[in-house]
Amino acid sequence: MDFQSVLNQILVLFFTLIVGYVARRLNVFGEEVTRGLSSLLLKVALPALIIDSLQQSFTPKLLKASGQILLIVFFVYLFSGLMALLVGKLLKPPAADAGGLSFCPSVS
């Protein structure tokens, strides 16, 4: 994708946002229509966009890269969990704070 096509897509999105904002401010769309459009976007359009963006042709190279990423993520979470246990043991926090201090390093 070149710069010009990305810029065009951003400008179209920006223009659409401005038109929607002005239309709402001028009460072109009522509260019920706004709720309906938001629901349509969140429940139909956004999931369809996500599914469409994930459509790639399968190749052995893609499978290998996915497996490598899965292994890396597994070891990162394993390391984070061990660090969480270590932090909990080293700091010796009060019982009320122990769960939070053990949980934070495992998800950050």
PDB file of N, CA and C in Angstrom:
ATOM      1  N   MET A   1       0.844  -1.176   0.000  1.00  0.00           N
ATOM      2  CA  MET A   1       0.000   0.000   0.000  1.00  0.00           C
ATOM      3  C   MET A   1       0.887   1.236   0.000  1.00  0.00           C
ATOM      4  N   ASP A   2       0.618   2.134  -0.888  1.00  0.00           N
ATOM      5  CA  ASP A   2       1.443   3.334  -0.931  1.00  0.00           C
ATOM      6  C   ASP A   2       0.834   4.441  -0.068  1.00  0.00           C
ATOM      7  N   PHE A   3       1.595   5.487   0.099  1.00  0.00           N
ATOM      8  CA  PHE A   3       1.201   6.582   0.982  1.00  0.00           C
ATOM      9  C   PHE A   3      -0.090   7.249   0.521  1.00  0.00           C
ATOM     10  N   GLN A   4      -0.254   7.424  -0.770  1.00  0.00           N
ATOM     11  CA  GLN A   4      -1.427   8.122  -1.309  1.00  0.00           C
ATOM     12  C   GLN A   4      -2.722   7.378  -0.984  1.00  0.00           C
ATOM     13  N   SER A   5      -2.730   6.058  -1.117  1.00  0.00           N
ATOM     14  CA  SER A   5      -3.954   5.306  -0.828  1.00  0.00           C
ATOM     15  C   SER A   5      -4.274   5.326   0.666  1.00  0.00           C
ATOM     16  N   VAL A   6      -3.248   5.268   1.513  1.00  0.00           N
ATOM     17  CA  VAL A   6      -3.475   5.351   2.958  1.00  0.00           C
ATOM     18  C   VAL A   6      -4.027   6.729   3.317  1.00  0.00           C
ATOM     19  N   LEU A   7      -3.443   7.765   2.742  1.00  0.00           N
ATOM     20  CA  LEU A   7      -3.920   9.122   2.996  1.00  0.00           C
ATOM     21  C   LEU A   7      -5.369   9.280   2.547  1.00  0.00           C
ATOM     22  N   ASN A   8      -5.722   8.739   1.400  1.00  0.00           N
ATOM     23  CA  ASN A   8      -7.109   8.815   0.916  1.00  0.00           C
ATOM     24  C   ASN A   8      -8.071   8.130   1.877  1.00  0.00           C
ATOM     25  N   GLN A   9      -7.685   6.966   2.398  1.00  0.00           N
ATOM     26  CA  GLN A   9      -8.556   6.251   3.329  1.00  0.00           C
ATOM     27  C   GLN A   9      -8.719   7.020   4.633  1.00  0.00           C
ATOM     28  N   ILE A  10      -7.652   7.635   5.113  1.00  0.00           N
ATOM     29  CA  ILE A  10      -7.730   8.420   6.341  1.00  0.00           C
ATOM     30  C   ILE A  10      -8.605   9.647   6.136  1.00  0.00           C
ATOM     31  N   LEU A  11      -8.471  10.298   5.000  1.00  0.00           N
ATOM     32  CA  LEU A  11      -9.295  11.478   4.720  1.00  0.00           C
ATOM     33  C   LEU A  11     -10.774  11.121   4.599  1.00  0.00           C
ATOM     34  N   VAL A  12     -11.074   9.991   3.978  1.00  0.00           N
ATOM     35  CA  VAL A  12     -12.474   9.553   3.874  1.00  0.00           C
ATOM     36  C   VAL A  12     -13.038   9.277   5.261  1.00  0.00           C
ATOM     37  N   LEU A  13     -12.263   8.603   6.107  1.00  0.00           N
ATOM     38  CA  LEU A  13     -12.700   8.321   7.468  1.00  0.00           C
ATOM     39  C   LEU A  13     -12.911   9.609   8.255  1.00  0.00           C
ATOM     40  N   PHE A  14     -11.984  10.529   8.151  1.00  0.00           N
ATOM     41  CA  PHE A  14     -12.089  11.809   8.849  1.00  0.00           C
ATOM     42  C   PHE A  14     -13.317  12.586   8.377  1.00  0.00           C
ATOM     43  N   PHE A  15     -13.548  12.618   7.065  1.00  0.00           N
ATOM     44  CA  PHE A  15     -14.713  13.316   6.516  1.00  0.00           C
ATOM     45  C   PHE A  15     -16.007  12.672   7.005  1.00  0.00           C
ATOM     46  N   THR A  16     -16.044  11.350   7.042  1.00  0.00           N
ATOM     47  CA  THR A  16     -17.236  10.642   7.524  1.00  0.00           C
ATOM     48  C   THR A  16     -17.496  10.957   8.995  1.00  0.00           C
ATOM     49  N   LEU A  17     -16.440  11.008   9.802  1.00  0.00           N
ATOM     50  CA  LEU A  17     -16.598  11.355  11.217  1.00  0.00           C
ATOM     51  C   LEU A  17     -17.140  12.770  11.381  1.00  0.00           C
ATOM     52  N   ILE A  18     -16.642  13.692  10.607  1.00  0.00           N
ATOM     53  CA  ILE A  18     -17.110  15.079  10.705  1.00  0.00           C
ATOM     54  C   ILE A  18     -18.574  15.195  10.275  1.00  0.00           C
ATOM     55  N   VAL A  19     -18.943  14.516   9.208  1.00  0.00           N
ATOM     56  CA  VAL A  19     -20.338  14.548   8.754  1.00  0.00           C
ATOM     57  C   VAL A  19     -21.254  13.956   9.824  1.00  0.00           C
ATOM     58  N   GLY A  20     -20.849  12.846  10.434  1.00  0.00           N
ATOM     59  CA  GLY A  20     -21.649  12.234  11.496  1.00  0.00           C
ATOM     60  C   GLY A  20     -21.769  13.128  12.716  1.00  0.00           C
ATOM     61  N   TYR A  21     -20.681  13.784  13.088  1.00  0.00           N
ATOM     62  CA  TYR A  21     -20.694  14.688  14.238  1.00  0.00           C
ATOM     63  C   TYR A  21     -21.637  15.871  13.978  1.00  0.00           C
ATOM     64  N   VAL A  22     -21.522  16.469  12.809  1.00  0.00           N
ATOM     65  CA  VAL A  22     -22.372  17.622  12.476  1.00  0.00           C
ATOM     66  C   VAL A  22     -23.836  17.197  12.400  1.00  0.00           C
ATOM     67  N   ALA A  23     -24.097  16.046  11.802  1.00  0.00           N
ATOM     68  CA  ALA A  23     -25.478  15.556  11.703  1.00  0.00           C
ATOM     69  C   ALA A  23     -26.072  15.318  13.080  1.00  0.00           C
ATOM     70  N   ARG A  24     -25.294  14.786  13.988  1.00  0.00           N
ATOM     71  CA  ARG A  24     -25.804  14.554  15.351  1.00  0.00           C
ATOM     72  C   ARG A  24     -26.039  15.869  16.074  1.00  0.00           C
ATOM     73  N   ARG A  25     -25.127  16.820  15.901  1.00  0.00           N
ATOM     74  CA  ARG A  25     -25.287  18.132  16.553  1.00  0.00           C
ATOM     75  C   ARG A  25     -26.502  18.881  16.025  1.00  0.00           C
ATOM     76  N   LEU A  26     -26.826  18.686  14.754  1.00  0.00           N
ATOM     77  CA  LEU A  26     -27.998  19.350  14.165  1.00  0.00           C
ATOM     78  C   LEU A  26     -29.269  18.530  14.360  1.00  0.00           C
ATOM     79  N   ASN A  27     -29.190  17.467  15.130  1.00  0.00           N
ATOM     80  CA  ASN A  27     -30.322  16.581  15.417  1.00  0.00           C
ATOM     81  C   ASN A  27     -30.929  15.961  14.173  1.00  0.00           C
ATOM     82  N   VAL A  28     -30.093  15.685  13.178  1.00  0.00           N
ATOM     83  CA  VAL A  28     -30.553  14.959  12.000  1.00  0.00           C
ATOM     84  C   VAL A  28     -30.869  13.520  12.397  1.00  0.00           C
ATOM     85  N   PHE A  29     -30.058  12.978  13.289  1.00  0.00           N
ATOM     86  CA  PHE A  29     -30.297  11.638  13.822  1.00  0.00           C
ATOM     87  C   PHE A  29     -30.780  11.760  15.253  1.00  0.00           C
ATOM     88  N   GLY A  30     -31.859  11.065  15.566  1.00  0.00           N
ATOM     89  CA  GLY A  30     -32.358  11.055  16.928  1.00  0.00           C
ATOM     90  C   GLY A  30     -31.572  10.071  17.781  1.00  0.00           C
ATOM     91  N   GLU A  31     -31.921  10.029  19.046  1.00  0.00           N
ATOM     92  CA  GLU A  31     -31.237   9.144  19.993  1.00  0.00           C
ATOM     93  C   GLU A  31     -31.418   7.675  19.610  1.00  0.00           C
ATOM     94  N   GLU A  32     -32.626   7.309  19.175  1.00  0.00           N
ATOM     95  CA  GLU A  32     -32.899   5.924  18.819  1.00  0.00           C
ATOM     96  C   GLU A  32     -32.106   5.495  17.578  1.00  0.00           C
ATOM     97  N   VAL A  33     -32.016   6.368  16.600  1.00  0.00           N
ATOM     98  CA  VAL A  33     -31.253   6.065  15.385  1.00  0.00           C
ATOM     99  C   VAL A  33     -29.769   5.934  15.727  1.00  0.00           C
ATOM    100  N   THR A  34     -29.276   6.807  16.587  1.00  0.00           N
ATOM    101  CA  THR A  34     -27.875   6.753  16.994  1.00  0.00           C
ATOM    102  C   THR A  34     -27.571   5.435  17.696  1.00  0.00           C
ATOM    103  N   ARG A  35     -28.457   5.009  18.595  1.00  0.00           N
ATOM    104  CA  ARG A  35     -28.264   3.729  19.266  1.00  0.00           C
ATOM    105  C   ARG A  35     -28.304   2.571  18.279  1.00  0.00           C
ATOM    106  N   GLY A  36     -29.213   2.640  17.324  1.00  0.00           N
ATOM    107  CA  GLY A  36     -29.317   1.576  16.316  1.00  0.00           C
ATOM    108  C   GLY A  36     -28.078   1.490  15.444  1.00  0.00           C
ATOM    109  N   LEU A  37     -27.568   2.637  15.011  1.00  0.00           N
ATOM    110  CA  LEU A  37     -26.364   2.642  14.186  1.00  0.00           C
ATOM    111  C   LEU A  37     -25.151   2.154  14.968  1.00  0.00           C
ATOM    112  N   SER A  38     -25.055   2.561  16.217  1.00  0.00           N
ATOM    113  CA  SER A  38     -23.941   2.092  17.055  1.00  0.00           C
ATOM    114  C   SER A  38     -24.010   0.585  17.241  1.00  0.00           C
ATOM    115  N   SER A  39     -25.198   0.074  17.473  1.00  0.00           N
ATOM    116  CA  SER A  39     -25.378  -1.362  17.640  1.00  0.00           C
ATOM    117  C   SER A  39     -25.007  -2.108  16.357  1.00  0.00           C
ATOM    118  N   LEU A  40     -25.423  -1.578  15.219  1.00  0.00           N
ATOM    119  CA  LEU A  40     -25.092  -2.193  13.933  1.00  0.00           C
ATOM    120  C   LEU A  40     -23.575  -2.228  13.728  1.00  0.00           C
ATOM    121  N   LEU A  41     -22.919  -1.129  14.029  1.00  0.00           N
ATOM    122  CA  LEU A  41     -21.465  -1.070  13.857  1.00  0.00           C
ATOM    123  C   LEU A  41     -20.747  -2.050  14.766  1.00  0.00           C
ATOM    124  N   LEU A  42     -21.147  -2.105  16.046  1.00  0.00           N
ATOM    125  CA  LEU A  42     -20.452  -2.953  16.996  1.00  0.00           C
ATOM    126  C   LEU A  42     -20.765  -4.436  16.840  1.00  0.00           C
ATOM    127  N   LYS A  43     -21.990  -4.758  16.444  1.00  0.00           N
ATOM    128  CA  LYS A  43     -22.392  -6.164  16.395  1.00  0.00           C
ATOM    129  C   LYS A  43     -22.268  -6.803  15.018  1.00  0.00           C
ATOM    130  N   VAL A  44     -22.224  -5.997  13.951  1.00  0.00           N
ATOM    131  CA  VAL A  44     -22.184  -6.561  12.602  1.00  0.00           C
ATOM    132  C   VAL A  44     -20.946  -6.103  11.834  1.00  0.00           C
ATOM    133  N   ALA A  45     -20.792  -4.789  11.688  1.00  0.00           N
ATOM    134  CA  ALA A  45     -19.735  -4.274  10.817  1.00  0.00           C
ATOM    135  C   ALA A  45     -18.336  -4.536  11.368  1.00  0.00           C
ATOM    136  N   LEU A  46     -18.119  -4.287  12.646  1.00  0.00           N
ATOM    137  CA  LEU A  46     -16.789  -4.481  13.223  1.00  0.00           C
ATOM    138  C   LEU A  46     -16.353  -5.949  13.208  1.00  0.00           C
ATOM    139  N   PRO A  47     -17.206  -6.905  13.633  1.00  0.00           N
ATOM    140  CA  PRO A  47     -16.789  -8.310  13.516  1.00  0.00           C
ATOM    141  C   PRO A  47     -16.533  -8.728  12.067  1.00  0.00           C
ATOM    142  N   ALA A  48     -17.337  -8.233  11.128  1.00  0.00           N
ATOM    143  CA  ALA A  48     -17.115  -8.572   9.720  1.00  0.00           C
ATOM    144  C   ALA A  48     -15.787  -8.011   9.232  1.00  0.00           C
ATOM    145  N   LEU A  49     -15.447  -6.815   9.656  1.00  0.00           N
ATOM    146  CA  LEU A  49     -14.172  -6.208   9.281  1.00  0.00           C
ATOM    147  C   LEU A  49     -12.999  -7.000   9.847  1.00  0.00           C
ATOM    148  N   ILE A  50     -13.123  -7.452  11.088  1.00  0.00           N
ATOM    149  CA  ILE A  50     -12.055  -8.242  11.705  1.00  0.00           C
ATOM    150  C   ILE A  50     -11.880  -9.567  10.971  1.00  0.00           C
ATOM    151  N   ILE A  51     -12.974 -10.236  10.671  1.00  0.00           N
ATOM    152  CA  ILE A  51     -12.892 -11.511   9.954  1.00  0.00           C
ATOM    153  C   ILE A  51     -12.294 -11.304   8.570  1.00  0.00           C
ATOM    154  N   ASP A  52     -12.699 -10.233   7.894  1.00  0.00           N
ATOM    155  CA  ASP A  52     -12.166  -9.955   6.563  1.00  0.00           C
ATOM    156  C   ASP A  52     -10.670  -9.656   6.608  1.00  0.00           C
ATOM    157  N   SER A  53     -10.227  -8.961   7.630  1.00  0.00           N
ATOM    158  CA  SER A  53      -8.799  -8.627   7.723  1.00  0.00           C
ATOM    159  C   SER A  53      -7.947  -9.845   8.022  1.00  0.00           C
ATOM    160  N   LEU A  54      -8.536 -10.900   8.566  1.00  0.00           N
ATOM    161  CA  LEU A  54      -7.787 -12.114   8.881  1.00  0.00           C
ATOM    162  C   LEU A  54      -7.717 -13.094   7.713  1.00  0.00           C
ATOM    163  N   GLN A  55      -8.392 -12.802   6.626  1.00  0.00           N
ATOM    164  CA  GLN A  55      -8.400 -13.706   5.486  1.00  0.00           C
ATOM    165  C   GLN A  55      -7.060 -13.641   4.761  1.00  0.00           C
ATOM    166  N   GLN A  56      -6.275 -14.696   4.906  1.00  0.00           N
ATOM    167  CA  GLN A  56      -4.993 -14.812   4.233  1.00  0.00           C
ATOM    168  C   GLN A  56      -4.898 -16.206   3.635  1.00  0.00           C
ATOM    169  N   SER A  57      -4.155 -16.298   2.574  1.00  0.00           N
ATOM    170  CA  SER A  57      -3.969 -17.619   1.995  1.00  0.00           C
ATOM    171  C   SER A  57      -3.012 -18.419   2.877  1.00  0.00           C
ATOM    172  N   PHE A  58      -3.303 -19.688   3.034  1.00  0.00           N
ATOM    173  CA  PHE A  58      -2.497 -20.555   3.889  1.00  0.00           C
ATOM    174  C   PHE A  58      -1.219 -20.945   3.174  1.00  0.00           C
ATOM    175  N   THR A  59      -0.114 -20.806   3.873  1.00  0.00           N
ATOM    176  CA  THR A  59       1.181 -21.259   3.355  1.00  0.00           C
ATOM    177  C   THR A  59       1.934 -21.928   4.503  1.00  0.00           C
ATOM    178  N   PRO A  60       2.833 -22.824   4.186  1.00  0.00           N
ATOM    179  CA  PRO A  60       3.648 -23.425   5.248  1.00  0.00           C
ATOM    180  C   PRO A  60       4.468 -22.376   6.013  1.00  0.00           C
ATOM    181  N   LYS A  61       4.886 -21.332   5.328  1.00  0.00           N
ATOM    182  CA  LYS A  61       5.639 -20.259   5.981  1.00  0.00           C
ATOM    183  C   LYS A  61       4.777 -19.565   7.041  1.00  0.00           C
ATOM    184  N   LEU A  62       3.500 -19.339   6.724  1.00  0.00           N
ATOM    185  CA  LEU A  62       2.572 -18.715   7.676  1.00  0.00           C
ATOM    186  C   LEU A  62       2.348 -19.632   8.877  1.00  0.00           C
ATOM    187  N   LEU A  63       2.223 -20.932   8.645  1.00  0.00           N
ATOM    188  CA  LEU A  63       2.045 -21.890   9.739  1.00  0.00           C
ATOM    189  C   LEU A  63       3.265 -21.898  10.654  1.00  0.00           C
ATOM    190  N   LYS A  64       4.458 -21.867  10.061  1.00  0.00           N
ATOM    191  CA  LYS A  64       5.682 -21.853  10.854  1.00  0.00           C
ATOM    192  C   LYS A  64       5.772 -20.587  11.699  1.00  0.00           C
ATOM    193  N   ALA A  65       5.462 -19.438  11.101  1.00  0.00           N
ATOM    194  CA  ALA A  65       5.506 -18.173  11.835  1.00  0.00           C
ATOM    195  C   ALA A  65       4.484 -18.169  12.964  1.00  0.00           C
ATOM    196  N   SER A  66       3.295 -18.714  12.719  1.00  0.00           N
ATOM    197  CA  SER A  66       2.268 -18.771  13.761  1.00  0.00           C
ATOM    198  C   SER A  66       2.706 -19.663  14.912  1.00  0.00           C
ATOM    199  N   GLY A  67       3.336 -20.783  14.606  1.00  0.00           N
ATOM    200  CA  GLY A  67       3.836 -21.669  15.647  1.00  0.00           C
ATOM    201  C   GLY A  67       4.931 -21.010  16.473  1.00  0.00           C
ATOM    202  N   GLN A  68       5.814 -20.268  15.808  1.00  0.00           N
ATOM    203  CA  GLN A  68       6.872 -19.570  16.530  1.00  0.00           C
ATOM    204  C   GLN A  68       6.288 -18.522  17.468  1.00  0.00           C
ATOM    205  N   ILE A  69       5.305 -17.789  16.990  1.00  0.00           N
ATOM    206  CA  ILE A  69       4.666 -16.770  17.826  1.00  0.00           C
ATOM    207  C   ILE A  69       3.980 -17.419  19.015  1.00  0.00           C
ATOM    208  N   LEU A  70       3.312 -18.540  18.789  1.00  0.00           N
ATOM    209  CA  LEU A  70       2.642 -19.255  19.874  1.00  0.00           C
ATOM    210  C   LEU A  70       3.642 -19.703  20.942  1.00  0.00           C
ATOM    211  N   LEU A  71       4.778 -20.216  20.521  1.00  0.00           N
ATOM    212  CA  LEU A  71       5.813 -20.640  21.478  1.00  0.00           C
ATOM    213  C   LEU A  71       6.373 -19.449  22.255  1.00  0.00           C
ATOM    214  N   ILE A  72       6.627 -18.356  21.567  1.00  0.00           N
ATOM    215  CA  ILE A  72       7.149 -17.164  22.238  1.00  0.00           C
ATOM    216  C   ILE A  72       6.161 -16.664  23.278  1.00  0.00           C
ATOM    217  N   VAL A  73       4.889 -16.591  22.904  1.00  0.00           N
ATOM    218  CA  VAL A  73       3.861 -16.122  23.832  1.00  0.00           C
ATOM    219  C   VAL A  73       3.769 -17.053  25.036  1.00  0.00           C
ATOM    220  N   PHE A  74       3.836 -18.358  24.804  1.00  0.00           N
ATOM    221  CA  PHE A  74       3.779 -19.316  25.905  1.00  0.00           C
ATOM    222  C   PHE A  74       4.916 -19.075  26.893  1.00  0.00           C
ATOM    223  N   PHE A  75       6.129 -18.913  26.385  1.00  0.00           N
ATOM    224  CA  PHE A  75       7.266 -18.720  27.275  1.00  0.00           C
ATOM    225  C   PHE A  75       7.239 -17.355  27.960  1.00  0.00           C
ATOM    226  N   VAL A  76       6.732 -16.344  27.293  1.00  0.00           N
ATOM    227  CA  VAL A  76       6.608 -15.029  27.929  1.00  0.00           C
ATOM    228  C   VAL A  76       5.626 -15.111  29.096  1.00  0.00           C
ATOM    229  N   TYR A  77       4.495 -15.772  28.896  1.00  0.00           N
ATOM    230  CA  TYR A  77       3.521 -15.899  29.981  1.00  0.00           C
ATOM    231  C   TYR A  77       4.062 -16.781  31.110  1.00  0.00           C
ATOM    232  N   LEU A  78       4.786 -17.814  30.764  1.00  0.00           N
ATOM    233  CA  LEU A  78       5.396 -18.658  31.785  1.00  0.00           C
ATOM    234  C   LEU A  78       6.391 -17.849  32.613  1.00  0.00           C
ATOM    235  N   PHE A  79       7.238 -17.080  31.951  1.00  0.00           N
ATOM    236  CA  PHE A  79       8.208 -16.230  32.637  1.00  0.00           C
ATOM    237  C   PHE A  79       7.498 -15.194  33.506  1.00  0.00           C
ATOM    238  N   SER A  80       6.428 -14.590  32.972  1.00  0.00           N
ATOM    239  CA  SER A  80       5.682 -13.583  33.743  1.00  0.00           C
ATOM    240  C   SER A  80       5.054 -14.192  34.984  1.00  0.00           C
ATOM    241  N   GLY A  81       4.516 -15.387  34.845  1.00  0.00           N
ATOM    242  CA  GLY A  81       3.930 -16.057  36.007  1.00  0.00           C
ATOM    243  C   GLY A  81       4.968 -16.364  37.068  1.00  0.00           C
ATOM    244  N   LEU A  82       6.130 -16.831  36.637  1.00  0.00           N
ATOM    245  CA  LEU A  82       7.198 -17.105  37.600  1.00  0.00           C
ATOM    246  C   LEU A  82       7.679 -15.828  38.268  1.00  0.00           C
ATOM    247  N   MET A  83       7.765 -14.741  37.503  1.00  0.00           N
ATOM    248  CA  MET A  83       8.155 -13.452  38.080  1.00  0.00           C
ATOM    249  C   MET A  83       7.110 -12.981  39.089  1.00  0.00           C
ATOM    250  N   ALA A  84       5.849 -13.220  38.790  1.00  0.00           N
ATOM    251  CA  ALA A  84       4.788 -12.829  39.720  1.00  0.00           C
ATOM    252  C   ALA A  84       4.932 -13.572  41.043  1.00  0.00           C
ATOM    253  N   LEU A  85       5.226 -14.871  40.970  1.00  0.00           N
ATOM    254  CA  LEU A  85       5.434 -15.636  42.197  1.00  0.00           C
ATOM    255  C   LEU A  85       6.652 -15.134  42.961  1.00  0.00           C
ATOM    256  N   LEU A  86       7.721 -14.843  42.235  1.00  0.00           N
ATOM    257  CA  LEU A  86       8.946 -14.357  42.858  1.00  0.00           C
ATOM    258  C   LEU A  86       8.724 -13.011  43.539  1.00  0.00           C
ATOM    259  N   VAL A  87       8.020 -12.103  42.861  1.00  0.00           N
ATOM    260  CA  VAL A  87       7.739 -10.782  43.440  1.00  0.00           C
ATOM    261  C   VAL A  87       6.897 -10.947  44.700  1.00  0.00           C
ATOM    262  N   GLY A  88       5.925 -11.835  44.647  1.00  0.00           N
ATOM    263  CA  GLY A  88       5.096 -12.079  45.819  1.00  0.00           C
ATOM    264  C   GLY A  88       5.884 -12.620  46.998  1.00  0.00           C
ATOM    265  N   LYS A  89       6.867 -13.467  46.725  1.00  0.00           N
ATOM    266  CA  LYS A  89       7.683 -14.042  47.804  1.00  0.00           C
ATOM    267  C   LYS A  89       8.694 -13.033  48.346  1.00  0.00           C
ATOM    268  N   LEU A  90       9.311 -12.244  47.444  1.00  0.00           N
ATOM    269  CA  LEU A  90      10.360 -11.312  47.871  1.00  0.00           C
ATOM    270  C   LEU A  90       9.818 -10.111  48.638  1.00  0.00           C
ATOM    271  N   LEU A  91       8.681  -9.578  48.189  1.00  0.00           N
ATOM    272  CA  LEU A  91       8.152  -8.365  48.818  1.00  0.00           C
ATOM    273  C   LEU A  91       7.423  -8.656  50.122  1.00  0.00           C
ATOM    274  N   LYS A  92       6.931  -9.856  50.266  1.00  0.00           N
ATOM    275  CA  LYS A  92       6.164 -10.248  51.456  1.00  0.00           C
ATOM    276  C   LYS A  92       5.114  -9.187  51.814  1.00  0.00           C
ATOM    277  N   PRO A  93       4.184  -8.943  50.887  1.00  0.00           N
ATOM    278  CA  PRO A  93       3.179  -7.905  51.135  1.00  0.00           C
ATOM    279  C   PRO A  93       2.137  -8.367  52.145  1.00  0.00           C
ATOM    280  N   PRO A  94       1.347  -7.425  52.652  1.00  0.00           N
ATOM    281  CA  PRO A  94       0.222  -7.817  53.513  1.00  0.00           C
ATOM    282  C   PRO A  94      -0.727  -8.725  52.731  1.00  0.00           C
ATOM    283  N   ALA A  95      -1.445  -9.543  53.439  1.00  0.00           N
ATOM    284  CA  ALA A  95      -2.322 -10.526  52.808  1.00  0.00           C
ATOM    285  C   ALA A  95      -3.329  -9.870  51.864  1.00  0.00           C
ATOM    286  N   ALA A  96      -3.795  -8.670  52.193  1.00  0.00           N
ATOM    287  CA  ALA A  96      -4.792  -7.991  51.357  1.00  0.00           C
ATOM    288  C   ALA A  96      -4.205  -7.575  50.013  1.00  0.00           C
ATOM    289  N   ASP A  97      -2.899  -7.319  49.941  1.00  0.00           N
ATOM    290  CA  ASP A  97      -2.264  -6.854  48.708  1.00  0.00           C
ATOM    291  C   ASP A  97      -1.563  -7.964  47.939  1.00  0.00           C
ATOM    292  N   ALA A  98      -1.426  -9.116  48.511  1.00  0.00           N
ATOM    293  CA  ALA A  98      -0.633 -10.188  47.900  1.00  0.00           C
ATOM    294  C   ALA A  98      -1.196 -10.622  46.547  1.00  0.00           C
ATOM    295  N   GLY A  99      -2.490 -10.756  46.459  1.00  0.00           N
ATOM    296  CA  GLY A  99      -3.089 -11.194  45.195  1.00  0.00           C
ATOM    297  C   GLY A  99      -2.848 -10.210  44.071  1.00  0.00           C
ATOM    298  N   GLY A 100      -3.018  -8.940  44.351  1.00  0.00           N
ATOM    299  CA  GLY A 100      -2.804  -7.922  43.323  1.00  0.00           C
ATOM    300  C   GLY A 100      -1.362  -7.828  42.891  1.00  0.00           C
ATOM    301  N   LEU A 101      -0.439  -7.920  43.834  1.00  0.00           N
ATOM    302  CA  LEU A 101       0.978  -7.848  43.487  1.00  0.00           C
ATOM    303  C   LEU A 101       1.438  -9.086  42.728  1.00  0.00           C
ATOM    304  N   SER A 102       0.827 -10.205  42.962  1.00  0.00           N
ATOM    305  CA  SER A 102       1.164 -11.413  42.202  1.00  0.00           C
ATOM    306  C   SER A 102       0.528 -11.394  40.822  1.00  0.00           C
ATOM    307  N   PHE A 103      -0.626 -10.780  40.701  1.00  0.00           N
ATOM    308  CA  PHE A 103      -1.354 -10.766  39.444  1.00  0.00           C
ATOM    309  C   PHE A 103      -0.755  -9.757  38.451  1.00  0.00           C
ATOM    310  N   CYS A 104      -0.362  -8.592  38.921  1.00  0.00           N
ATOM    311  CA  CYS A 104       0.112  -7.525  38.028  1.00  0.00           C
ATOM    312  C   CYS A 104       1.289  -7.925  37.144  1.00  0.00           C
ATOM    313  N   PRO A 105       2.360  -8.503  37.670  1.00  0.00           N
ATOM    314  CA  PRO A 105       3.476  -8.854  36.783  1.00  0.00           C
ATOM    315  C   PRO A 105       3.117  -9.930  35.761  1.00  0.00           C
ATOM    316  N   SER A 106       2.128 -10.752  36.060  1.00  0.00           N
ATOM    317  CA  SER A 106       1.790 -11.823  35.132  1.00  0.00           C
ATOM    318  C   SER A 106       1.011 -11.328  33.922  1.00  0.00           C
ATOM    319  N   VAL A 107       0.414 -10.170  33.986  1.00  0.00           N
ATOM    320  CA  VAL A 107      -0.365  -9.658  32.855  1.00  0.00           C
ATOM    321  C   VAL A 107       0.243  -8.417  32.225  1.00  0.00           C
ATOM    322  N   SER A 108       1.334  -7.923  32.753  1.00  0.00           N
ATOM    323  CA  SER A 108       1.917  -6.725  32.162  1.00  0.00           C
ATOM    324  C   SER A 108       3.066  -7.061  31.250  1.00  0.00           C
TER     325      SER A 108
END
